Amino acid sequence: MERRLALGGLTVLLAGTTPFRAAAVEDIEYVAEHLAEVPMDNRFASLPVWGAEGETTRPWTYVVQGAYARTTTGNLEVAGPMLAAAASRTIGSKWNLGAFLFFDPLSLSGNNDERPLQTLFAPATPFRRPVPARFNHLDGTLRDYGAGLRLTVSMESGWLGSYRFVGGLMWQRVELRDYRLDYQLLEGPDAGLRGQIDFDADYEHISPFVGIELPRAGKTWASAPHVLAAWPNPRRGVVGHITGPGFDLHGDQDSAGQGSHFGDPSITIGWDVTYLPAHFAIDVGTLLTQRLVEPVTHKGIETNWLLSCQWRF
């Protein structure tokens, strides 16, 4: 008897210390938007616009950038490599003109994610919303690609010491393909109803950006904290499509009177550390700041990891 009581007490204790994951509060439409927006911020954070002009004696310098990013919310995630290249030329003693292009082929995946089903893009579904639902079989792609120009001016004095201002303009296109989930309603009079919801769309933006960098270099190592602000224009209405027994609805939030929310202004903070003999740099700043900031600026996002490095020659 005492043994059974002891085992029972141990079971209760272990149950009390075992993590329990409740269904997510944010609805599927809300997190689908943020899951696609965070990679845009990760790209702003890792644009190849910093530092290269000061690290060689050649008039032309080049950058090859590679990164890996992973963003999660509930049981859904977007992850994959990020690739970029840049070239720049020094003009006079202070100015540097550069161009860059990037391509980020990311994968969308997830299963057994429970959260409310909401469709602000289509307000006439035959069941009440929001309603708890289970989402499965996400297996899609997010491709973010574009190009831009930037101009940098280097200043050698002032209360900041040496610093560089950077400004530019970039074109960016986000393509969402097979951003599709099977859903099953879990509560209410329509519990058990099944269907599909998808957020396939193309979003294009022209984004001006400005930033400042504080380069500091020794004989072997250099470091450069930097801040970049970007404004994607225009903002877009989130596009969605939902089907179920007897209905097939397609729309976007803007046309439905819910506003244009896709494409948020962004402020990113990084700190490049460069091993000068190899012209190889790792952005240790964005590894920390993108992890801490994105779950705050994009509610519902739980983790965001970005590891970015560059080879400059």
C-alpha atoms as a PDB file:
ATOM      1  CA  MET A   1       0.000   0.000   0.000  1.00  0.00           C
ATOM      2  CA  GLU A   2       2.783   2.427   0.945  1.00  0.00           C
ATOM      3  CA  ARG A   3       4.610   1.537  -2.248  1.00  0.00           C
ATOM      4  CA  ARG A   4       1.512   2.277  -4.340  1.00  0.00           C
ATOM      5  CA  LEU A   5       1.074   5.624  -2.554  1.00  0.00           C
ATOM      6  CA  ALA A   6       4.730   6.491  -3.142  1.00  0.00           C
ATOM      7  CA  LEU A   7       4.474   5.621  -6.833  1.00  0.00           C
ATOM      8  CA  GLY A   8       1.280   7.633  -7.098  1.00  0.00           C
ATOM      9  CA  GLY A   9       2.925  10.633  -5.449  1.00  0.00           C
ATOM     10  CA  LEU A  10       5.904  10.356  -7.798  1.00  0.00           C
ATOM     11  CA  THR A  11       3.571  10.247 -10.797  1.00  0.00           C
ATOM     12  CA  VAL A  12       1.786  13.412  -9.657  1.00  0.00           C
ATOM     13  CA  LEU A  13       5.122  15.142  -9.053  1.00  0.00           C
ATOM     14  CA  LEU A  14       6.438  14.237 -12.514  1.00  0.00           C
ATOM     15  CA  ALA A  15       3.180  15.314 -14.131  1.00  0.00           C
ATOM     16  CA  GLY A  16       3.461  18.641 -12.387  1.00  0.00           C
ATOM     17  CA  THR A  17       6.971  19.213 -13.733  1.00  0.00           C
ATOM     18  CA  THR A  18       6.294  18.019 -17.293  1.00  0.00           C
ATOM     19  CA  PRO A  19       5.847  20.933 -19.743  1.00  0.00           C
ATOM     20  CA  PHE A  20       2.309  21.181 -21.101  1.00  0.00           C
ATOM     21  CA  ARG A  21       1.715  22.964 -24.385  1.00  0.00           C
ATOM     22  CA  ALA A  22      -1.710  24.585 -24.613  1.00  0.00           C
ATOM     23  CA  ALA A  23      -3.276  25.493 -27.927  1.00  0.00           C
ATOM     24  CA  ALA A  24      -1.890  28.755 -29.322  1.00  0.00           C
ATOM     25  CA  VAL A  25      -3.862  31.962 -28.755  1.00  0.00           C
ATOM     26  CA  GLU A  26      -3.046  33.719 -32.037  1.00  0.00           C
ATOM     27  CA  ASP A  27      -5.236  32.663 -34.946  1.00  0.00           C
ATOM     28  CA  ILE A  28      -3.953  30.998 -38.104  1.00  0.00           C
ATOM     29  CA  GLU A  29      -4.386  34.045 -40.343  1.00  0.00           C
ATOM     30  CA  TYR A  30      -2.434  36.212 -37.914  1.00  0.00           C
ATOM     31  CA  VAL A  31       0.531  33.864 -37.563  1.00  0.00           C
ATOM     32  CA  ALA A  32       0.538  32.998 -41.282  1.00  0.00           C
ATOM     33  CA  GLU A  33       1.183  36.679 -41.972  1.00  0.00           C
ATOM     34  CA  HIS A  34       3.942  36.948 -39.358  1.00  0.00           C
ATOM     35  CA  LEU A  35       5.566  33.674 -40.386  1.00  0.00           C
ATOM     36  CA  ALA A  36       6.014  35.200 -43.851  1.00  0.00           C
ATOM     37  CA  GLU A  37       7.083  38.664 -42.637  1.00  0.00           C
ATOM     38  CA  VAL A  38       9.880  37.625 -40.288  1.00  0.00           C
ATOM     39  CA  PRO A  39      12.041  36.334 -43.201  1.00  0.00           C
ATOM     40  CA  MET A  40      11.785  39.837 -44.679  1.00  0.00           C
ATOM     41  CA  ASP A  41      13.213  41.281 -41.454  1.00  0.00           C
ATOM     42  CA  ASN A  42      15.905  38.601 -41.430  1.00  0.00           C
ATOM     43  CA  ARG A  43      16.895  39.676 -44.933  1.00  0.00           C
ATOM     44  CA  PHE A  44      17.033  43.365 -43.937  1.00  0.00           C
ATOM     45  CA  ALA A  45      19.211  42.313 -40.987  1.00  0.00           C
ATOM     46  CA  SER A  46      21.655  40.472 -43.259  1.00  0.00           C
ATOM     47  CA  LEU A  47      21.884  42.730 -46.313  1.00  0.00           C
ATOM     48  CA  PRO A  48      25.473  42.796 -47.658  1.00  0.00           C
ATOM     49  CA  VAL A  49      25.824  46.565 -47.316  1.00  0.00           C
ATOM     50  CA  TRP A  50      28.382  46.840 -44.501  1.00  0.00           C
ATOM     51  CA  GLY A  51      32.114  47.069 -44.178  1.00  0.00           C
ATOM     52  CA  ALA A  52      33.560  45.706 -47.393  1.00  0.00           C
ATOM     53  CA  GLU A  53      34.915  48.990 -48.768  1.00  0.00           C
ATOM     54  CA  GLY A  54      37.337  49.467 -45.870  1.00  0.00           C
ATOM     55  CA  GLU A  55      38.974  46.064 -45.937  1.00  0.00           C
ATOM     56  CA  THR A  56      40.866  45.881 -49.217  1.00  0.00           C
ATOM     57  CA  THR A  57      43.097  48.286 -51.109  1.00  0.00           C
ATOM     58  CA  ARG A  58      41.392  47.588 -54.435  1.00  0.00           C
ATOM     59  CA  PRO A  59      38.963  50.094 -55.992  1.00  0.00           C
ATOM     60  CA  TRP A  60      36.449  47.268 -56.436  1.00  0.00           C
ATOM     61  CA  THR A  61      35.371  44.997 -53.577  1.00  0.00           C
ATOM     62  CA  TYR A  62      33.024  42.023 -53.535  1.00  0.00           C
ATOM     63  CA  VAL A  63      30.954  40.217 -50.946  1.00  0.00           C
ATOM     64  CA  VAL A  64      29.471  36.719 -50.849  1.00  0.00           C
ATOM     65  CA  GLN A  65      26.986  36.262 -48.025  1.00  0.00           C
ATOM     66  CA  GLY A  66      25.403  33.109 -46.644  1.00  0.00           C
ATOM     67  CA  ALA A  67      22.993  32.623 -43.758  1.00  0.00           C
ATOM     68  CA  TYR A  68      20.631  30.135 -42.228  1.00  0.00           C
ATOM     69  CA  ALA A  69      17.340  31.131 -40.602  1.00  0.00           C
ATOM     70  CA  ARG A  70      14.659  29.255 -38.689  1.00  0.00           C
ATOM     71  CA  THR A  71      11.430  30.800 -37.407  1.00  0.00           C
ATOM     72  CA  THR A  72       8.731  28.953 -35.465  1.00  0.00           C
ATOM     73  CA  THR A  73       5.252  29.494 -34.079  1.00  0.00           C
ATOM     74  CA  GLY A  74       3.470  26.593 -32.420  1.00  0.00           C
ATOM     75  CA  ASN A  75       4.184  23.562 -34.604  1.00  0.00           C
ATOM     76  CA  LEU A  76       4.690  25.642 -37.754  1.00  0.00           C
ATOM     77  CA  GLU A  77       8.037  26.818 -39.069  1.00  0.00           C
ATOM     78  CA  VAL A  78       9.827  28.480 -41.959  1.00  0.00           C
ATOM     79  CA  ALA A  79      13.519  27.663 -42.369  1.00  0.00           C
ATOM     80  CA  GLY A  80      16.303  27.493 -44.886  1.00  0.00           C
ATOM     81  CA  PRO A  81      19.365  29.157 -46.415  1.00  0.00           C
ATOM     82  CA  MET A  82      19.772  32.802 -47.381  1.00  0.00           C
ATOM     83  CA  LEU A  83      22.196  33.786 -50.152  1.00  0.00           C
ATOM     84  CA  ALA A  84      23.447  37.155 -51.374  1.00  0.00           C
ATOM     85  CA  ALA A  85      26.248  38.798 -53.338  1.00  0.00           C
ATOM     86  CA  ALA A  86      27.406  42.393 -53.685  1.00  0.00           C
ATOM     87  CA  ALA A  87      29.927  44.538 -55.507  1.00  0.00           C
ATOM     88  CA  SER A  88      31.059  48.046 -54.666  1.00  0.00           C
ATOM     89  CA  ARG A  89      33.443  50.733 -55.902  1.00  0.00           C
ATOM     90  CA  THR A  90      35.172  53.508 -53.993  1.00  0.00           C
ATOM     91  CA  ILE A  91      34.515  57.024 -55.303  1.00  0.00           C
ATOM     92  CA  GLY A  92      36.965  59.570 -53.948  1.00  0.00           C
ATOM     93  CA  SER A  93      38.082  59.489 -50.339  1.00  0.00           C
ATOM     94  CA  LYS A  94      34.692  59.200 -48.618  1.00  0.00           C
ATOM     95  CA  TRP A  95      32.111  57.710 -50.955  1.00  0.00           C
ATOM     96  CA  ASN A  96      31.384  54.149 -51.983  1.00  0.00           C
ATOM     97  CA  LEU A  97      28.691  52.958 -54.404  1.00  0.00           C
ATOM     98  CA  GLY A  98      27.457  49.367 -54.291  1.00  0.00           C
ATOM     99  CA  ALA A  99      24.905  46.974 -55.743  1.00  0.00           C
ATOM    100  CA  PHE A 100      23.611  43.704 -54.329  1.00  0.00           C
ATOM    101  CA  LEU A 101      21.223  40.871 -55.040  1.00  0.00           C
ATOM    102  CA  PHE A 102      19.803  38.115 -52.845  1.00  0.00           C
ATOM    103  CA  PHE A 103      17.827  34.890 -52.997  1.00  0.00           C
ATOM    104  CA  ASP A 104      16.360  33.145 -49.944  1.00  0.00           C
ATOM    105  CA  PRO A 105      14.744  29.748 -50.742  1.00  0.00           C
ATOM    106  CA  LEU A 106      12.932  28.833 -47.517  1.00  0.00           C
ATOM    107  CA  SER A 107      10.670  25.897 -46.657  1.00  0.00           C
ATOM    108  CA  LEU A 108       7.344  26.048 -44.808  1.00  0.00           C
ATOM    109  CA  SER A 109       6.376  23.018 -42.727  1.00  0.00           C
ATOM    110  CA  GLY A 110       4.201  21.936 -39.838  1.00  0.00           C
ATOM    111  CA  ASN A 111       1.729  19.413 -38.433  1.00  0.00           C
ATOM    112  CA  ASN A 112      -0.711  19.055 -35.562  1.00  0.00           C
ATOM    113  CA  ASP A 113      -0.896  22.786 -34.810  1.00  0.00           C
ATOM    114  CA  GLU A 114      -3.909  23.862 -32.754  1.00  0.00           C
ATOM    115  CA  ARG A 115      -5.095  27.468 -32.737  1.00  0.00           C
ATOM    116  CA  PRO A 116      -8.191  29.506 -33.698  1.00  0.00           C
ATOM    117  CA  LEU A 117      -9.269  29.546 -37.333  1.00  0.00           C
ATOM    118  CA  GLN A 118      -9.906  33.095 -38.530  1.00  0.00           C
ATOM    119  CA  THR A 119     -10.488  34.440 -42.041  1.00  0.00           C
ATOM    120  CA  LEU A 120     -10.628  38.234 -42.088  1.00  0.00           C
ATOM    121  CA  PHE A 121      -9.849  38.000 -45.812  1.00  0.00           C
ATOM    122  CA  ALA A 122     -13.177  36.150 -46.311  1.00  0.00           C
ATOM    123  CA  PRO A 123     -15.784  37.263 -43.734  1.00  0.00           C
ATOM    124  CA  ALA A 124     -18.627  35.098 -45.087  1.00  0.00           C
ATOM    125  CA  THR A 125     -17.678  31.562 -44.080  1.00  0.00           C
ATOM    126  CA  PRO A 126     -20.676  29.321 -43.231  1.00  0.00           C
ATOM    127  CA  PHE A 127     -19.373  28.697 -39.705  1.00  0.00           C
ATOM    128  CA  ARG A 128     -18.674  31.113 -36.863  1.00  0.00           C
ATOM    129  CA  ARG A 129     -15.185  32.483 -36.434  1.00  0.00           C
ATOM    130  CA  PRO A 130     -12.796  32.409 -34.721  1.00  0.00           C
ATOM    131  CA  VAL A 131     -13.196  28.746 -33.881  1.00  0.00           C
ATOM    132  CA  PRO A 132     -10.625  26.321 -32.412  1.00  0.00           C
ATOM    133  CA  ALA A 133      -9.147  24.101 -35.098  1.00  0.00           C
ATOM    134  CA  ARG A 134      -6.321  21.702 -35.807  1.00  0.00           C
ATOM    135  CA  PHE A 135      -4.010  22.334 -38.775  1.00  0.00           C
ATOM    136  CA  ASN A 136      -1.928  19.724 -40.595  1.00  0.00           C
ATOM    137  CA  HIS A 137       0.200  18.982 -43.647  1.00  0.00           C
ATOM    138  CA  LEU A 138       1.925  22.319 -44.241  1.00  0.00           C
ATOM    139  CA  ASP A 139       4.544  21.654 -46.911  1.00  0.00           C
ATOM    140  CA  GLY A 140       5.226  24.797 -48.908  1.00  0.00           C
ATOM    141  CA  THR A 141       7.897  27.274 -49.936  1.00  0.00           C
ATOM    142  CA  LEU A 142       8.717  30.910 -49.311  1.00  0.00           C
ATOM    143  CA  ARG A 143      11.071  32.477 -51.825  1.00  0.00           C
ATOM    144  CA  ASP A 144      12.335  35.962 -51.017  1.00  0.00           C
ATOM    145  CA  TYR A 145      14.515  37.573 -53.662  1.00  0.00           C
ATOM    146  CA  GLY A 146      15.486  40.986 -54.914  1.00  0.00           C
ATOM    147  CA  ALA A 147      18.218  43.511 -55.643  1.00  0.00           C
ATOM    148  CA  GLY A 148      19.256  46.977 -54.639  1.00  0.00           C
ATOM    149  CA  LEU A 149      21.687  49.878 -54.727  1.00  0.00           C
ATOM    150  CA  ARG A 150      23.389  51.552 -51.798  1.00  0.00           C
ATOM    151  CA  LEU A 151      25.587  54.583 -51.246  1.00  0.00           C
ATOM    152  CA  THR A 152      27.954  54.875 -48.282  1.00  0.00           C
ATOM    153  CA  VAL A 153      29.770  57.909 -46.929  1.00  0.00           C
ATOM    154  CA  SER A 154      32.629  57.456 -44.466  1.00  0.00           C
ATOM    155  CA  MET A 155      33.326  60.034 -41.777  1.00  0.00           C
ATOM    156  CA  GLU A 156      36.572  60.037 -39.808  1.00  0.00           C
ATOM    157  CA  SER A 157      35.789  62.407 -36.931  1.00  0.00           C
ATOM    158  CA  GLY A 158      33.034  63.408 -34.555  1.00  0.00           C
ATOM    159  CA  TRP A 159      31.816  62.301 -31.149  1.00  0.00           C
ATOM    160  CA  LEU A 160      31.169  58.810 -32.569  1.00  0.00           C
ATOM    161  CA  GLY A 161      34.700  58.508 -33.889  1.00  0.00           C
ATOM    162  CA  SER A 162      34.877  56.896 -37.336  1.00  0.00           C
ATOM    163  CA  TYR A 163      31.479  55.998 -38.738  1.00  0.00           C
ATOM    164  CA  ARG A 164      29.687  55.312 -41.987  1.00  0.00           C
ATOM    165  CA  PHE A 165      26.240  56.317 -43.156  1.00  0.00           C
ATOM    166  CA  VAL A 166      24.545  54.017 -45.652  1.00  0.00           C
ATOM    167  CA  GLY A 167      21.395  54.648 -47.663  1.00  0.00           C
ATOM    168  CA  GLY A 168      19.781  52.873 -50.551  1.00  0.00           C
ATOM    169  CA  LEU A 169      16.800  51.412 -52.318  1.00  0.00           C
ATOM    170  CA  MET A 170      15.890  47.784 -52.921  1.00  0.00           C
ATOM    171  CA  TRP A 171      13.259  45.817 -54.788  1.00  0.00           C
ATOM    172  CA  GLN A 172      11.964  42.719 -53.047  1.00  0.00           C
ATOM    173  CA  ARG A 173       9.501  39.964 -53.993  1.00  0.00           C
ATOM    174  CA  VAL A 174       8.102  37.361 -51.597  1.00  0.00           C
ATOM    175  CA  GLU A 175       6.539  34.320 -53.278  1.00  0.00           C
ATOM    176  CA  LEU A 176       4.425  31.960 -51.148  1.00  0.00           C
ATOM    177  CA  ARG A 177       3.669  28.625 -52.792  1.00  0.00           C
ATOM    178  CA  ASP A 178       1.697  25.682 -51.348  1.00  0.00           C
ATOM    179  CA  TYR A 179       1.263  27.703 -48.160  1.00  0.00           C
ATOM    180  CA  ARG A 180      -1.630  25.342 -47.508  1.00  0.00           C
ATOM    181  CA  LEU A 181      -2.956  23.620 -44.407  1.00  0.00           C
ATOM    182  CA  ASP A 182      -5.669  21.043 -43.862  1.00  0.00           C
ATOM    183  CA  TYR A 183      -7.958  22.087 -41.021  1.00  0.00           C
ATOM    184  CA  GLN A 184     -10.506  20.399 -38.779  1.00  0.00           C
ATOM    185  CA  LEU A 185     -12.831  22.373 -36.510  1.00  0.00           C
ATOM    186  CA  LEU A 186     -12.598  21.194 -32.905  1.00  0.00           C
ATOM    187  CA  GLU A 187     -15.514  22.932 -31.195  1.00  0.00           C
ATOM    188  CA  GLY A 188     -18.937  24.416 -31.816  1.00  0.00           C
ATOM    189  CA  PRO A 189     -21.928  23.233 -33.872  1.00  0.00           C
ATOM    190  CA  ASP A 190     -19.656  22.511 -36.853  1.00  0.00           C
ATOM    191  CA  ALA A 191     -17.067  20.501 -34.909  1.00  0.00           C
ATOM    192  CA  GLY A 192     -15.446  17.922 -37.143  1.00  0.00           C
ATOM    193  CA  LEU A 193     -15.835  19.980 -40.344  1.00  0.00           C
ATOM    194  CA  ARG A 194     -12.758  19.636 -42.551  1.00  0.00           C
ATOM    195  CA  GLY A 195     -11.303  21.706 -45.349  1.00  0.00           C
ATOM    196  CA  GLN A 196      -8.210  23.556 -46.546  1.00  0.00           C
ATOM    197  CA  ILE A 197      -6.898  27.065 -46.048  1.00  0.00           C
ATOM    198  CA  ASP A 198      -4.022  28.581 -47.976  1.00  0.00           C
ATOM    199  CA  PHE A 199      -2.147  31.857 -48.127  1.00  0.00           C
ATOM    200  CA  ASP A 200      -0.485  31.545 -51.525  1.00  0.00           C
ATOM    201  CA  ALA A 201       0.411  34.996 -52.852  1.00  0.00           C
ATOM    202  CA  ASP A 202       3.106  37.213 -54.346  1.00  0.00           C
ATOM    203  CA  TYR A 203       4.062  40.402 -52.529  1.00  0.00           C
ATOM    204  CA  GLU A 204       6.330  43.027 -54.134  1.00  0.00           C
ATOM    205  CA  HIS A 205       7.858  45.974 -52.338  1.00  0.00           C
ATOM    206  CA  ILE A 206      10.184  48.882 -53.031  1.00  0.00           C
ATOM    207  CA  SER A 207      12.082  49.516 -49.804  1.00  0.00           C
ATOM    208  CA  PRO A 208      14.226  52.550 -49.020  1.00  0.00           C
ATOM    209  CA  PHE A 209      16.706  51.941 -46.219  1.00  0.00           C
ATOM    210  CA  VAL A 210      19.166  53.957 -44.130  1.00  0.00           C
ATOM    211  CA  GLY A 211      21.699  52.925 -41.536  1.00  0.00           C
ATOM    212  CA  ILE A 212      24.828  53.734 -39.602  1.00  0.00           C
ATOM    213  CA  GLU A 213      27.916  51.634 -38.895  1.00  0.00           C
ATOM    214  CA  LEU A 214      30.755  52.192 -36.397  1.00  0.00           C
ATOM    215  CA  PRO A 215      33.801  50.342 -37.815  1.00  0.00           C
ATOM    216  CA  ARG A 216      36.737  49.590 -35.550  1.00  0.00           C
ATOM    217  CA  ALA A 217      39.757  47.675 -36.859  1.00  0.00           C
ATOM    218  CA  GLY A 218      42.969  46.243 -35.448  1.00  0.00           C
ATOM    219  CA  LYS A 219      45.696  44.277 -37.197  1.00  0.00           C
ATOM    220  CA  THR A 220      43.859  40.941 -37.149  1.00  0.00           C
ATOM    221  CA  TRP A 221      40.281  41.608 -36.110  1.00  0.00           C
ATOM    222  CA  ALA A 222      37.669  44.235 -36.917  1.00  0.00           C
ATOM    223  CA  SER A 223      34.224  44.844 -35.518  1.00  0.00           C
ATOM    224  CA  ALA A 224      31.359  46.999 -36.698  1.00  0.00           C
ATOM    225  CA  PRO A 225      28.084  47.475 -34.828  1.00  0.00           C
ATOM    226  CA  HIS A 226      25.358  48.715 -37.156  1.00  0.00           C
ATOM    227  CA  VAL A 227      21.694  49.679 -37.263  1.00  0.00           C
ATOM    228  CA  LEU A 228      19.464  49.591 -40.358  1.00  0.00           C
ATOM    229  CA  ALA A 229      15.929  50.911 -40.857  1.00  0.00           C
ATOM    230  CA  ALA A 230      13.856  49.829 -43.882  1.00  0.00           C
ATOM    231  CA  TRP A 231      10.352  50.696 -45.103  1.00  0.00           C
ATOM    232  CA  PRO A 232       8.696  48.219 -47.518  1.00  0.00           C
ATOM    233  CA  ASN A 233       6.258  50.019 -49.827  1.00  0.00           C
ATOM    234  CA  PRO A 234       3.425  49.638 -50.424  1.00  0.00           C
ATOM    235  CA  ARG A 235       1.996  47.537 -47.608  1.00  0.00           C
ATOM    236  CA  ARG A 236      -0.344  44.832 -48.903  1.00  0.00           C
ATOM    237  CA  GLY A 237      -3.523  43.168 -47.758  1.00  0.00           C
ATOM    238  CA  VAL A 238      -2.972  39.564 -46.656  1.00  0.00           C
ATOM    239  CA  VAL A 239      -4.323  37.178 -49.306  1.00  0.00           C
ATOM    240  CA  GLY A 240      -6.129  33.981 -48.356  1.00  0.00           C
ATOM    241  CA  HIS A 241      -8.243  31.131 -49.727  1.00  0.00           C
ATOM    242  CA  ILE A 242     -10.422  28.717 -47.769  1.00  0.00           C
ATOM    243  CA  THR A 243     -12.478  25.730 -48.909  1.00  0.00           C
ATOM    244  CA  GLY A 244     -14.824  23.315 -47.183  1.00  0.00           C
ATOM    245  CA  PRO A 245     -18.029  21.348 -47.792  1.00  0.00           C
ATOM    246  CA  GLY A 246     -20.058  23.477 -50.202  1.00  0.00           C
ATOM    247  CA  PHE A 247     -17.909  26.632 -50.194  1.00  0.00           C
ATOM    248  CA  ASP A 248     -14.780  28.017 -51.843  1.00  0.00           C
ATOM    249  CA  LEU A 249     -13.819  31.551 -50.772  1.00  0.00           C
ATOM    250  CA  HIS A 250     -10.921  33.745 -51.831  1.00  0.00           C
ATOM    251  CA  GLY A 251     -10.057  37.307 -50.833  1.00  0.00           C
ATOM    252  CA  ASP A 252      -7.644  39.695 -49.186  1.00  0.00           C
ATOM    253  CA  GLN A 253      -7.817  41.752 -46.020  1.00  0.00           C
ATOM    254  CA  ASP A 254      -7.598  45.090 -47.805  1.00  0.00           C
ATOM    255  CA  SER A 255     -10.588  44.408 -50.070  1.00  0.00           C
ATOM    256  CA  ALA A 256     -12.515  43.065 -47.060  1.00  0.00           C
ATOM    257  CA  GLY A 257     -11.970  46.346 -45.197  1.00  0.00           C
ATOM    258  CA  GLN A 258      -9.437  44.938 -42.740  1.00  0.00           C
ATOM    259  CA  GLY A 259      -6.497  47.050 -43.881  1.00  0.00           C
ATOM    260  CA  SER A 260      -3.097  46.461 -45.477  1.00  0.00           C
ATOM    261  CA  HIS A 261      -0.740  44.817 -43.033  1.00  0.00           C
ATOM    262  CA  PHE A 262       1.810  42.787 -45.010  1.00  0.00           C
ATOM    263  CA  GLY A 263       5.235  44.409 -45.211  1.00  0.00           C
ATOM    264  CA  ASP A 264       6.176  45.993 -41.882  1.00  0.00           C
ATOM    265  CA  PRO A 265       8.725  48.754 -41.321  1.00  0.00           C
ATOM    266  CA  SER A 266      11.854  47.212 -39.854  1.00  0.00           C
ATOM    267  CA  ILE A 267      14.726  48.229 -37.577  1.00  0.00           C
ATOM    268  CA  THR A 268      17.516  45.671 -37.260  1.00  0.00           C
ATOM    269  CA  ILE A 269      20.685  45.713 -35.158  1.00  0.00           C
ATOM    270  CA  GLY A 270      23.854  43.789 -35.905  1.00  0.00           C
ATOM    271  CA  TRP A 271      27.521  43.557 -34.965  1.00  0.00           C
ATOM    272  CA  ASP A 272      29.932  42.179 -37.548  1.00  0.00           C
ATOM    273  CA  VAL A 273      33.141  40.585 -36.293  1.00  0.00           C
ATOM    274  CA  THR A 274      35.716  40.129 -39.078  1.00  0.00           C
ATOM    275  CA  TYR A 275      38.893  38.059 -39.208  1.00  0.00           C
ATOM    276  CA  LEU A 276      40.894  40.362 -41.459  1.00  0.00           C
ATOM    277  CA  PRO A 277      43.477  37.911 -42.908  1.00  0.00           C
ATOM    278  CA  ALA A 278      40.617  35.856 -44.390  1.00  0.00           C
ATOM    279  CA  HIS A 279      38.195  38.773 -44.943  1.00  0.00           C
ATOM    280  CA  PHE A 280      35.593  36.578 -43.247  1.00  0.00           C
ATOM    281  CA  ALA A 281      32.880  38.129 -41.069  1.00  0.00           C
ATOM    282  CA  ILE A 282      30.170  36.743 -38.796  1.00  0.00           C
ATOM    283  CA  ASP A 283      27.266  38.913 -37.664  1.00  0.00           C
ATOM    284  CA  VAL A 284      27.112  38.006 -33.982  1.00  0.00           C
ATOM    285  CA  GLY A 285      24.740  40.911 -33.334  1.00  0.00           C
ATOM    286  CA  THR A 286      21.839  39.688 -35.442  1.00  0.00           C
ATOM    287  CA  LEU A 287      22.155  36.203 -33.951  1.00  0.00           C
ATOM    288  CA  LEU A 288      21.127  37.768 -30.641  1.00  0.00           C
ATOM    289  CA  THR A 289      18.899  40.659 -31.645  1.00  0.00           C
ATOM    290  CA  GLN A 290      16.768  38.823 -34.223  1.00  0.00           C
ATOM    291  CA  ARG A 291      16.165  36.105 -31.636  1.00  0.00           C
ATOM    292  CA  LEU A 292      15.050  38.614 -29.010  1.00  0.00           C
ATOM    293  CA  VAL A 293      13.269  41.275 -31.063  1.00  0.00           C
ATOM    294  CA  GLU A 294      11.146  39.362 -33.588  1.00  0.00           C
ATOM    295  CA  PRO A 295       8.924  37.587 -31.005  1.00  0.00           C
ATOM    296  CA  VAL A 296       8.147  41.066 -29.631  1.00  0.00           C
ATOM    297  CA  THR A 297       7.542  42.924 -32.903  1.00  0.00           C
ATOM    298  CA  HIS A 298       5.700  39.971 -34.494  1.00  0.00           C
ATOM    299  CA  LYS A 299       3.374  38.603 -31.846  1.00  0.00           C
ATOM    300  CA  GLY A 300       2.856  34.864 -32.020  1.00  0.00           C
ATOM    301  CA  ILE A 301       6.385  34.141 -33.247  1.00  0.00           C
ATOM    302  CA  GLU A 302       8.102  31.996 -30.638  1.00  0.00           C
ATOM    303  CA  THR A 303      11.656  31.572 -31.917  1.00  0.00           C
ATOM    304  CA  ASN A 304      13.721  33.193 -34.633  1.00  0.00           C
ATOM    305  CA  TRP A 305      17.324  32.205 -35.298  1.00  0.00           C
ATOM    306  CA  LEU A 306      19.538  33.887 -37.868  1.00  0.00           C
ATOM    307  CA  LEU A 307      23.203  33.021 -38.392  1.00  0.00           C
ATOM    308  CA  SER A 308      24.793  35.205 -41.073  1.00  0.00           C
ATOM    309  CA  CYS A 309      28.372  35.316 -42.379  1.00  0.00           C
ATOM    310  CA  GLN A 310      30.196  37.010 -45.258  1.00  0.00           C
ATOM    311  CA  TRP A 311      33.375  36.562 -47.226  1.00  0.00           C
ATOM    312  CA  ARG A 312      34.718  39.904 -48.417  1.00  0.00           C
ATOM    313  CA  PHE A 313      37.396  40.211 -51.077  1.00  0.00           C
END
